[in-house]
Amino acid sequence: MAAQLDFSSEDLLERILTSLSDDKAEDIVQIDLRGKTSIGDYMVIASGRSTRQVSAMSEKLVEKLKAEFGLTARVEGKETGDWVLIDTGDVVVHLFRPEVREFYQLEKMWLPAGSAALSN
C-alpha cells in the first residue's frame, strides 16, 4: 500500500482499533482527549495475554502505521512487553499485560467519574 499523506486523527484511531482487534487485544478502551490535554486527540488502552502478545501487537501496529500512513511512531517498553507506549502524535496507545494495567489503572485518570469506558 502507498503511504497516505492526508489523514485525520479519526482515521488513525480507526486503523489502530482495527489492528488491535485483529490481533486479539482484550478490553480495548478509547478515550477522547480533545479539549482535555494537548498530548493528543485520543488515547487507546488495551491488554494482551502475555508479554509476547503485547510486544507482537505493538510491533505489528507500528509497521501498519508506517506502511499505511507513512507515520513513524515513538515506542517505549516493547523489549519487556509489560507496558508498551506507542505515541503517534494524535493517538497515544498503551498496551498492557492485564496485571500491569490493573496496577496503573490509566482509565481512572482519564475517564470522567462514573462514566463507562468505550470498549470494542
N, C-alpha and C. Protein backbone atom coordinates (compact mmCIF):
# COMPACT_ATOMS: atom_id res chain seq x y z
N MET A 1 0.83 -1.19 0.00
CA MET A 1 0.00 0.00 0.00
C MET A 1 0.87 1.25 0.00
N ALA A 2 0.46 2.23 -0.72
CA ALA A 2 1.17 3.50 -0.74
C ALA A 2 0.87 4.27 0.54
N ALA A 3 1.84 5.02 1.00
CA ALA A 3 1.65 5.82 2.20
C ALA A 3 0.62 6.92 1.94
N GLN A 4 -0.28 7.08 2.87
CA GLN A 4 -1.31 8.10 2.79
C GLN A 4 -0.79 9.35 3.51
N LEU A 5 -0.81 10.48 2.84
CA LEU A 5 -0.25 11.69 3.43
C LEU A 5 -1.27 12.55 4.15
N ASP A 6 -2.51 12.50 3.75
CA ASP A 6 -3.55 13.34 4.34
C ASP A 6 -4.53 12.45 5.11
N PHE A 7 -4.47 12.51 6.43
CA PHE A 7 -5.37 11.69 7.24
C PHE A 7 -5.69 12.44 8.52
N SER A 8 -6.82 12.09 9.11
CA SER A 8 -7.25 12.73 10.35
C SER A 8 -6.91 11.85 11.55
N SER A 9 -7.03 12.42 12.73
CA SER A 9 -6.81 11.62 13.93
C SER A 9 -7.87 10.53 14.04
N GLU A 10 -9.06 10.77 13.48
CA GLU A 10 -10.11 9.74 13.48
C GLU A 10 -9.74 8.58 12.57
N ASP A 11 -9.12 8.88 11.41
CA ASP A 11 -8.65 7.82 10.51
C ASP A 11 -7.60 6.96 11.23
N LEU A 12 -6.69 7.62 11.90
CA LEU A 12 -5.64 6.94 12.62
C LEU A 12 -6.21 6.09 13.75
N LEU A 13 -7.15 6.66 14.50
CA LEU A 13 -7.80 5.93 15.59
C LEU A 13 -8.48 4.68 15.06
N GLU A 14 -9.22 4.81 13.98
CA GLU A 14 -9.94 3.66 13.41
C GLU A 14 -8.98 2.55 13.00
N ARG A 15 -7.86 2.91 12.40
CA ARG A 15 -6.88 1.91 11.97
C ARG A 15 -6.25 1.22 13.16
N ILE A 16 -5.95 1.99 14.21
CA ILE A 16 -5.38 1.43 15.43
C ILE A 16 -6.35 0.44 16.08
N LEU A 17 -7.61 0.85 16.20
CA LEU A 17 -8.61 -0.03 16.81
C LEU A 17 -8.78 -1.31 16.01
N THR A 18 -8.79 -1.21 14.69
CA THR A 18 -8.92 -2.38 13.82
C THR A 18 -7.73 -3.31 13.99
N SER A 19 -6.53 -2.75 13.99
CA SER A 19 -5.33 -3.56 14.14
C SER A 19 -5.32 -4.31 15.47
N LEU A 20 -5.65 -3.61 16.54
CA LEU A 20 -5.67 -4.25 17.86
C LEU A 20 -6.73 -5.35 17.94
N SER A 21 -7.89 -5.08 17.36
CA SER A 21 -8.95 -6.08 17.35
C SER A 21 -8.53 -7.31 16.54
N ASP A 22 -7.93 -7.07 15.37
CA ASP A 22 -7.45 -8.18 14.53
C ASP A 22 -6.41 -9.02 15.25
N ASP A 23 -5.60 -8.39 16.10
CA ASP A 23 -4.55 -9.10 16.82
C ASP A 23 -5.01 -9.66 18.17
N LYS A 24 -6.33 -9.65 18.38
CA LYS A 24 -6.94 -10.26 19.57
C LYS A 24 -6.60 -9.54 20.87
N ALA A 25 -6.43 -8.21 20.79
CA ALA A 25 -6.26 -7.43 22.02
C ALA A 25 -7.54 -7.55 22.84
N GLU A 26 -7.40 -7.44 24.13
CA GLU A 26 -8.56 -7.56 25.03
C GLU A 26 -8.85 -6.22 25.70
N ASP A 27 -10.11 -6.03 26.07
CA ASP A 27 -10.55 -4.85 26.83
C ASP A 27 -10.05 -3.56 26.21
N ILE A 28 -10.35 -3.36 24.93
CA ILE A 28 -9.91 -2.16 24.22
C ILE A 28 -10.80 -0.98 24.63
N VAL A 29 -10.14 0.09 25.07
CA VAL A 29 -10.85 1.29 25.51
C VAL A 29 -10.29 2.47 24.73
N GLN A 30 -11.18 3.31 24.21
CA GLN A 30 -10.74 4.55 23.57
C GLN A 30 -11.25 5.71 24.40
N ILE A 31 -10.39 6.72 24.56
CA ILE A 31 -10.72 7.88 25.37
C ILE A 31 -10.50 9.13 24.52
N ASP A 32 -11.51 9.96 24.42
CA ASP A 32 -11.42 11.21 23.67
C ASP A 32 -10.72 12.24 24.54
N LEU A 33 -9.57 12.70 24.09
CA LEU A 33 -8.78 13.66 24.86
C LEU A 33 -8.94 15.09 24.36
N ARG A 34 -9.67 15.28 23.27
CA ARG A 34 -9.79 16.62 22.69
C ARG A 34 -10.39 17.58 23.73
N GLY A 35 -9.74 18.71 23.90
CA GLY A 35 -10.20 19.71 24.86
C GLY A 35 -9.77 19.44 26.29
N LYS A 36 -9.11 18.28 26.54
CA LYS A 36 -8.68 17.94 27.90
C LYS A 36 -7.17 18.09 28.09
N THR A 37 -6.42 17.85 27.00
CA THR A 37 -4.97 17.88 27.08
C THR A 37 -4.39 18.09 25.69
N SER A 38 -3.15 18.50 25.64
CA SER A 38 -2.50 18.70 24.35
C SER A 38 -1.65 17.50 23.94
N ILE A 39 -1.67 16.41 24.71
CA ILE A 39 -0.83 15.25 24.37
C ILE A 39 -1.33 14.50 23.16
N GLY A 40 -2.58 14.69 22.79
CA GLY A 40 -3.14 14.01 21.63
C GLY A 40 -4.65 14.16 21.60
N ASP A 41 -5.25 13.66 20.53
CA ASP A 41 -6.70 13.71 20.40
C ASP A 41 -7.39 12.52 21.05
N TYR A 42 -6.72 11.36 21.03
CA TYR A 42 -7.30 10.15 21.58
C TYR A 42 -6.25 9.34 22.32
N MET A 43 -6.72 8.54 23.28
CA MET A 43 -5.90 7.56 23.95
C MET A 43 -6.59 6.21 23.77
N VAL A 44 -5.80 5.20 23.48
CA VAL A 44 -6.32 3.84 23.37
C VAL A 44 -5.56 3.00 24.40
N ILE A 45 -6.32 2.22 25.16
CA ILE A 45 -5.74 1.33 26.16
C ILE A 45 -6.26 -0.07 25.86
N ALA A 46 -5.34 -1.04 25.83
CA ALA A 46 -5.75 -2.42 25.55
C ALA A 46 -4.80 -3.38 26.27
N SER A 47 -5.23 -4.63 26.37
CA SER A 47 -4.43 -5.65 27.04
C SER A 47 -4.12 -6.79 26.10
N GLY A 48 -2.97 -7.40 26.36
CA GLY A 48 -2.60 -8.65 25.71
C GLY A 48 -2.43 -9.70 26.80
N ARG A 49 -2.52 -10.95 26.45
CA ARG A 49 -2.48 -12.02 27.46
C ARG A 49 -1.07 -12.31 27.99
N SER A 50 -0.04 -11.91 27.24
CA SER A 50 1.33 -12.22 27.63
C SER A 50 2.27 -11.13 27.14
N THR A 51 3.50 -11.14 27.65
CA THR A 51 4.49 -10.17 27.17
C THR A 51 4.74 -10.37 25.68
N ARG A 52 4.74 -11.60 25.24
CA ARG A 52 4.97 -11.88 23.82
C ARG A 52 3.85 -11.27 22.96
N GLN A 53 2.60 -11.44 23.37
CA GLN A 53 1.49 -10.88 22.59
C GLN A 53 1.52 -9.35 22.60
N VAL A 54 1.80 -8.75 23.75
CA VAL A 54 1.86 -7.29 23.85
C VAL A 54 2.95 -6.76 22.91
N SER A 55 4.12 -7.36 22.94
CA SER A 55 5.22 -6.93 22.07
C SER A 55 4.88 -7.12 20.60
N ALA A 56 4.29 -8.26 20.26
CA ALA A 56 3.94 -8.55 18.87
C ALA A 56 2.86 -7.59 18.36
N MET A 57 1.85 -7.31 19.18
CA MET A 57 0.79 -6.37 18.77
C MET A 57 1.38 -4.99 18.52
N SER A 58 2.29 -4.56 19.39
CA SER A 58 2.87 -3.23 19.22
C SER A 58 3.73 -3.17 17.96
N GLU A 59 4.49 -4.20 17.71
CA GLU A 59 5.33 -4.23 16.52
C GLU A 59 4.50 -4.19 15.24
N LYS A 60 3.46 -5.01 15.19
CA LYS A 60 2.58 -5.02 14.01
C LYS A 60 1.89 -3.69 13.82
N LEU A 61 1.43 -3.07 14.90
CA LEU A 61 0.74 -1.79 14.80
C LEU A 61 1.67 -0.72 14.24
N VAL A 62 2.88 -0.65 14.75
CA VAL A 62 3.85 0.34 14.29
C VAL A 62 4.16 0.13 12.80
N GLU A 63 4.30 -1.14 12.39
CA GLU A 63 4.56 -1.44 10.98
C GLU A 63 3.40 -1.02 10.09
N LYS A 64 2.17 -1.28 10.53
CA LYS A 64 0.98 -0.90 9.75
C LYS A 64 0.86 0.61 9.62
N LEU A 65 1.12 1.33 10.70
CA LEU A 65 1.02 2.79 10.66
C LEU A 65 2.07 3.38 9.72
N LYS A 66 3.25 2.79 9.70
CA LYS A 66 4.31 3.25 8.80
C LYS A 66 3.92 2.98 7.34
N ALA A 67 3.42 1.77 7.08
CA ALA A 67 3.06 1.38 5.71
C ALA A 67 1.85 2.15 5.18
N GLU A 68 0.84 2.34 6.02
CA GLU A 68 -0.41 2.93 5.55
C GLU A 68 -0.47 4.45 5.65
N PHE A 69 0.22 5.02 6.62
CA PHE A 69 0.15 6.47 6.84
C PHE A 69 1.49 7.17 6.68
N GLY A 70 2.56 6.40 6.48
CA GLY A 70 3.88 7.00 6.41
C GLY A 70 4.31 7.59 7.74
N LEU A 71 3.78 7.05 8.81
CA LEU A 71 3.93 7.61 10.16
C LEU A 71 4.96 6.80 10.95
N THR A 72 5.92 7.47 11.51
CA THR A 72 6.89 6.83 12.39
C THR A 72 6.50 7.16 13.83
N ALA A 73 6.00 6.16 14.53
CA ALA A 73 5.55 6.36 15.91
C ALA A 73 6.72 6.15 16.88
N ARG A 74 6.68 6.86 17.99
CA ARG A 74 7.65 6.65 19.06
C ARG A 74 7.14 5.51 19.94
N VAL A 75 8.04 4.58 20.28
CA VAL A 75 7.65 3.38 21.04
C VAL A 75 8.56 3.24 22.25
N GLU A 76 7.94 2.95 23.40
CA GLU A 76 8.67 2.69 24.64
C GLU A 76 8.16 1.39 25.24
N GLY A 77 9.08 0.56 25.74
CA GLY A 77 8.69 -0.63 26.50
C GLY A 77 8.49 -1.91 25.72
N LYS A 78 8.73 -1.89 24.42
CA LYS A 78 8.49 -3.09 23.61
C LYS A 78 9.38 -4.26 24.03
N GLU A 79 10.58 -3.95 24.51
CA GLU A 79 11.53 -5.01 24.88
C GLU A 79 11.01 -5.87 26.03
N THR A 80 10.38 -5.25 27.02
CA THR A 80 9.89 -6.01 28.17
C THR A 80 8.48 -6.53 27.95
N GLY A 81 7.64 -5.80 27.23
CA GLY A 81 6.30 -6.28 26.91
C GLY A 81 5.29 -6.22 28.04
N ASP A 82 5.62 -5.55 29.14
CA ASP A 82 4.65 -5.40 30.23
C ASP A 82 3.71 -4.23 29.95
N TRP A 83 4.29 -3.13 29.47
CA TRP A 83 3.54 -1.92 29.15
C TRP A 83 4.26 -1.26 27.98
N VAL A 84 3.61 -1.24 26.83
CA VAL A 84 4.19 -0.61 25.65
C VAL A 84 3.41 0.66 25.35
N LEU A 85 4.13 1.75 25.21
CA LEU A 85 3.55 3.04 24.85
C LEU A 85 3.89 3.33 23.40
N ILE A 86 2.87 3.62 22.60
CA ILE A 86 3.06 3.99 21.20
C ILE A 86 2.47 5.38 21.03
N ASP A 87 3.32 6.34 20.71
CA ASP A 87 2.89 7.72 20.55
C ASP A 87 2.92 8.08 19.07
N THR A 88 1.74 8.28 18.50
CA THR A 88 1.65 8.63 17.08
C THR A 88 1.53 10.14 16.88
N GLY A 89 1.46 10.87 17.97
CA GLY A 89 1.23 12.31 17.91
C GLY A 89 -0.23 12.63 18.18
N ASP A 90 -1.14 12.10 17.37
CA ASP A 90 -2.58 12.35 17.56
C ASP A 90 -3.24 11.31 18.45
N VAL A 91 -2.72 10.09 18.44
CA VAL A 91 -3.29 9.00 19.23
C VAL A 91 -2.17 8.36 20.05
N VAL A 92 -2.40 8.25 21.35
CA VAL A 92 -1.45 7.61 22.25
C VAL A 92 -2.02 6.23 22.60
N VAL A 93 -1.23 5.20 22.38
CA VAL A 93 -1.68 3.82 22.61
C VAL A 93 -0.88 3.22 23.76
N HIS A 94 -1.61 2.61 24.71
CA HIS A 94 -1.00 1.89 25.82
C HIS A 94 -1.42 0.43 25.71
N LEU A 95 -0.44 -0.46 25.59
CA LEU A 95 -0.71 -1.90 25.57
C LEU A 95 -0.10 -2.51 26.82
N PHE A 96 -0.92 -3.25 27.55
CA PHE A 96 -0.51 -3.79 28.84
C PHE A 96 -0.71 -5.29 28.93
N ARG A 97 0.06 -5.92 29.82
CA ARG A 97 -0.36 -7.21 30.35
C ARG A 97 -1.44 -6.88 31.37
N PRO A 98 -2.43 -7.75 31.57
CA PRO A 98 -3.57 -7.42 32.46
C PRO A 98 -3.17 -6.98 33.88
N GLU A 99 -2.17 -7.64 34.47
CA GLU A 99 -1.78 -7.31 35.84
C GLU A 99 -1.20 -5.89 35.93
N VAL A 100 -0.43 -5.52 34.92
CA VAL A 100 0.19 -4.20 34.90
C VAL A 100 -0.88 -3.13 34.67
N ARG A 101 -1.82 -3.44 33.79
CA ARG A 101 -2.92 -2.50 33.53
C ARG A 101 -3.74 -2.26 34.79
N GLU A 102 -4.03 -3.32 35.50
CA GLU A 102 -4.81 -3.20 36.73
C GLU A 102 -4.06 -2.36 37.76
N PHE A 103 -2.76 -2.52 37.84
CA PHE A 103 -1.96 -1.78 38.81
C PHE A 103 -1.99 -0.28 38.53
N TYR A 104 -1.82 0.12 37.26
CA TYR A 104 -1.73 1.54 36.93
C TYR A 104 -3.08 2.22 36.72
N GLN A 105 -4.08 1.49 36.29
CA GLN A 105 -5.45 1.99 36.14
C GLN A 105 -5.53 3.34 35.43
N LEU A 106 -4.94 3.41 34.24
CA LEU A 106 -4.94 4.66 33.47
C LEU A 106 -6.35 5.15 33.14
N GLU A 107 -7.26 4.24 32.91
CA GLU A 107 -8.63 4.65 32.58
C GLU A 107 -9.22 5.55 33.66
N LYS A 108 -8.94 5.24 34.91
CA LYS A 108 -9.49 6.04 36.01
C LYS A 108 -8.97 7.46 36.00
N MET A 109 -7.75 7.65 35.50
CA MET A 109 -7.17 9.01 35.44
C MET A 109 -7.81 9.84 34.34
N TRP A 110 -8.22 9.20 33.24
CA TRP A 110 -8.63 9.96 32.06
C TRP A 110 -10.12 9.96 31.79
N LEU A 111 -10.85 9.01 32.32
CA LEU A 111 -12.30 9.00 32.11
C LEU A 111 -12.99 9.75 33.23
N PRO A 112 -14.06 10.50 32.92
CA PRO A 112 -14.80 11.21 33.96
C PRO A 112 -15.37 10.22 34.98
N ALA A 113 -15.47 10.65 36.21
CA ALA A 113 -16.00 9.78 37.27
C ALA A 113 -17.40 9.31 36.91
N GLY A 114 -17.62 8.01 37.07
CA GLY A 114 -18.94 7.44 36.82
C GLY A 114 -19.23 7.14 35.36
N SER A 115 -18.29 7.41 34.46
CA SER A 115 -18.56 7.13 33.04
C SER A 115 -18.13 5.72 32.69
N ALA A 116 -18.78 5.19 31.71
CA ALA A 116 -18.42 3.86 31.22
C ALA A 116 -17.37 4.01 30.12
N ALA A 117 -16.42 3.11 30.11
CA ALA A 117 -15.40 3.13 29.07
C ALA A 117 -16.01 2.75 27.73
N LEU A 118 -15.47 3.31 26.66
CA LEU A 118 -15.92 2.98 25.31
C LEU A 118 -15.14 1.76 24.85
N SER A 119 -15.69 0.58 25.03
CA SER A 119 -14.98 -0.64 24.68
C SER A 119 -15.41 -1.15 23.32
N ASN A 120 -14.51 -1.87 22.71
CA ASN A 120 -14.81 -2.53 21.43
C ASN A 120 -14.83 -4.01 21.65
